[in-house]
Amino acid sequence: MPQVLANELAEKRVLSTDGRELGILHNVTLDVASGSLETLVVETDHSELFGIEANADGVVQLPAETLDGVSDHVIVSPPE
């Protein structure tokens, strides 16, 4: 996947690979030492995404490996 700046991701719609709208990408978390992406912080109206429960604020932290692609939307797939 080509490099993408984190500020280009903020507030993008998050879709699953099957086309379901999951929410809005609110933020990402990184490992400071390595610089690698750790989680996608998604604001959602769903009670859970891929079996990961939303917190009281409607936020789910998806593992970085769910990221499948970035275009006009952030595309995610279920974790394996």
Protein backbone atom coordinates (compact mmCIF):
# COMPACT_ATOMS: atom_id res chain seq x y z
CA MET A 1 0.00 0.00 0.00
CA PRO A 2 1.37 3.46 -0.85
CA GLN A 3 2.20 5.88 1.95
CA VAL A 4 -0.71 7.92 3.28
CA LEU A 5 -0.42 10.84 5.68
CA ALA A 6 -2.43 10.43 8.88
CA ASN A 7 -4.05 13.85 8.49
CA GLU A 8 -5.46 12.68 5.13
CA LEU A 9 -7.35 9.91 6.96
CA ALA A 10 -9.14 11.99 9.56
CA GLU A 11 -12.91 12.10 9.19
CA LYS A 12 -13.00 9.66 6.26
CA ARG A 13 -15.92 7.24 6.07
CA VAL A 14 -15.03 3.69 7.03
CA LEU A 15 -16.49 0.90 4.90
CA SER A 16 -16.15 -2.86 5.21
CA THR A 17 -14.94 -4.89 2.26
CA ASP A 18 -18.55 -6.02 1.73
CA GLY A 19 -19.69 -2.39 1.37
CA ARG A 20 -21.25 -1.79 4.80
CA GLU A 21 -20.77 1.71 6.20
CA LEU A 22 -19.19 1.29 9.63
CA GLY A 23 -18.55 4.85 10.78
CA ILE A 24 -16.03 7.67 10.56
CA LEU A 25 -12.29 7.37 11.16
CA HIS A 26 -11.68 9.60 14.14
CA ASN A 27 -8.01 8.92 14.78
CA VAL A 28 -5.20 6.37 14.55
CA THR A 29 -2.71 5.15 17.14
CA LEU A 30 0.93 4.45 16.38
CA ASP A 31 3.78 2.64 18.07
CA VAL A 32 6.10 5.54 18.86
CA ALA A 33 9.27 3.44 18.76
CA SER A 34 8.66 1.81 15.38
CA GLY A 35 6.22 4.28 13.81
CA SER A 36 3.92 1.42 12.84
CA LEU A 37 0.17 1.78 12.81
CA GLU A 38 -1.50 0.06 15.78
CA THR A 39 -5.21 0.87 15.69
CA LEU A 40 -7.89 2.69 13.72
CA VAL A 41 -10.17 4.65 16.05
CA VAL A 42 -13.63 4.55 14.48
CA GLU A 43 -16.68 6.51 15.64
CA THR A 44 -19.71 4.32 14.96
CA ASP A 45 -23.42 3.93 15.61
CA HIS A 46 -22.95 0.14 15.78
CA SER A 47 -22.63 -1.59 19.15
CA GLU A 48 -19.65 -3.56 17.82
CA LEU A 49 -17.48 -3.94 14.73
CA PHE A 50 -16.00 -7.33 13.86
CA GLY A 51 -16.75 -8.54 17.39
CA ILE A 52 -15.02 -5.58 19.06
CA GLU A 53 -17.43 -3.67 21.30
CA ALA A 54 -17.85 0.09 21.06
CA ASN A 55 -17.14 2.05 24.23
CA ALA A 56 -19.69 4.37 25.87
CA ASP A 57 -18.72 7.15 23.42
CA GLY A 58 -19.45 4.96 20.37
CA VAL A 59 -15.79 4.40 19.54
CA VAL A 60 -14.20 1.13 18.43
CA GLN A 61 -10.46 0.59 18.17
CA LEU A 62 -9.86 -1.75 15.24
CA PRO A 63 -6.48 -3.46 14.91
CA ALA A 64 -4.26 -2.04 12.16
CA GLU A 65 -4.35 -5.34 10.26
CA THR A 66 -8.02 -4.69 9.45
CA LEU A 67 -6.96 -1.86 7.12
CA ASP A 68 -7.49 -3.12 3.59
CA GLY A 69 -7.18 0.09 1.58
CA VAL A 70 -7.55 3.85 1.44
CA SER A 71 -9.19 5.86 -1.31
CA ASP A 72 -12.13 8.20 -0.88
CA HIS A 73 -12.95 5.91 2.06
CA VAL A 74 -11.03 3.78 4.50
CA ILE A 75 -11.71 0.12 3.67
CA VAL A 76 -11.43 -2.48 6.44
CA SER A 77 -11.84 -6.24 6.56
CA PRO A 78 -12.49 -8.54 9.52
CA PRO A 79 -9.37 -9.49 11.48
CA GLU A 80 -8.15 -13.01 10.87
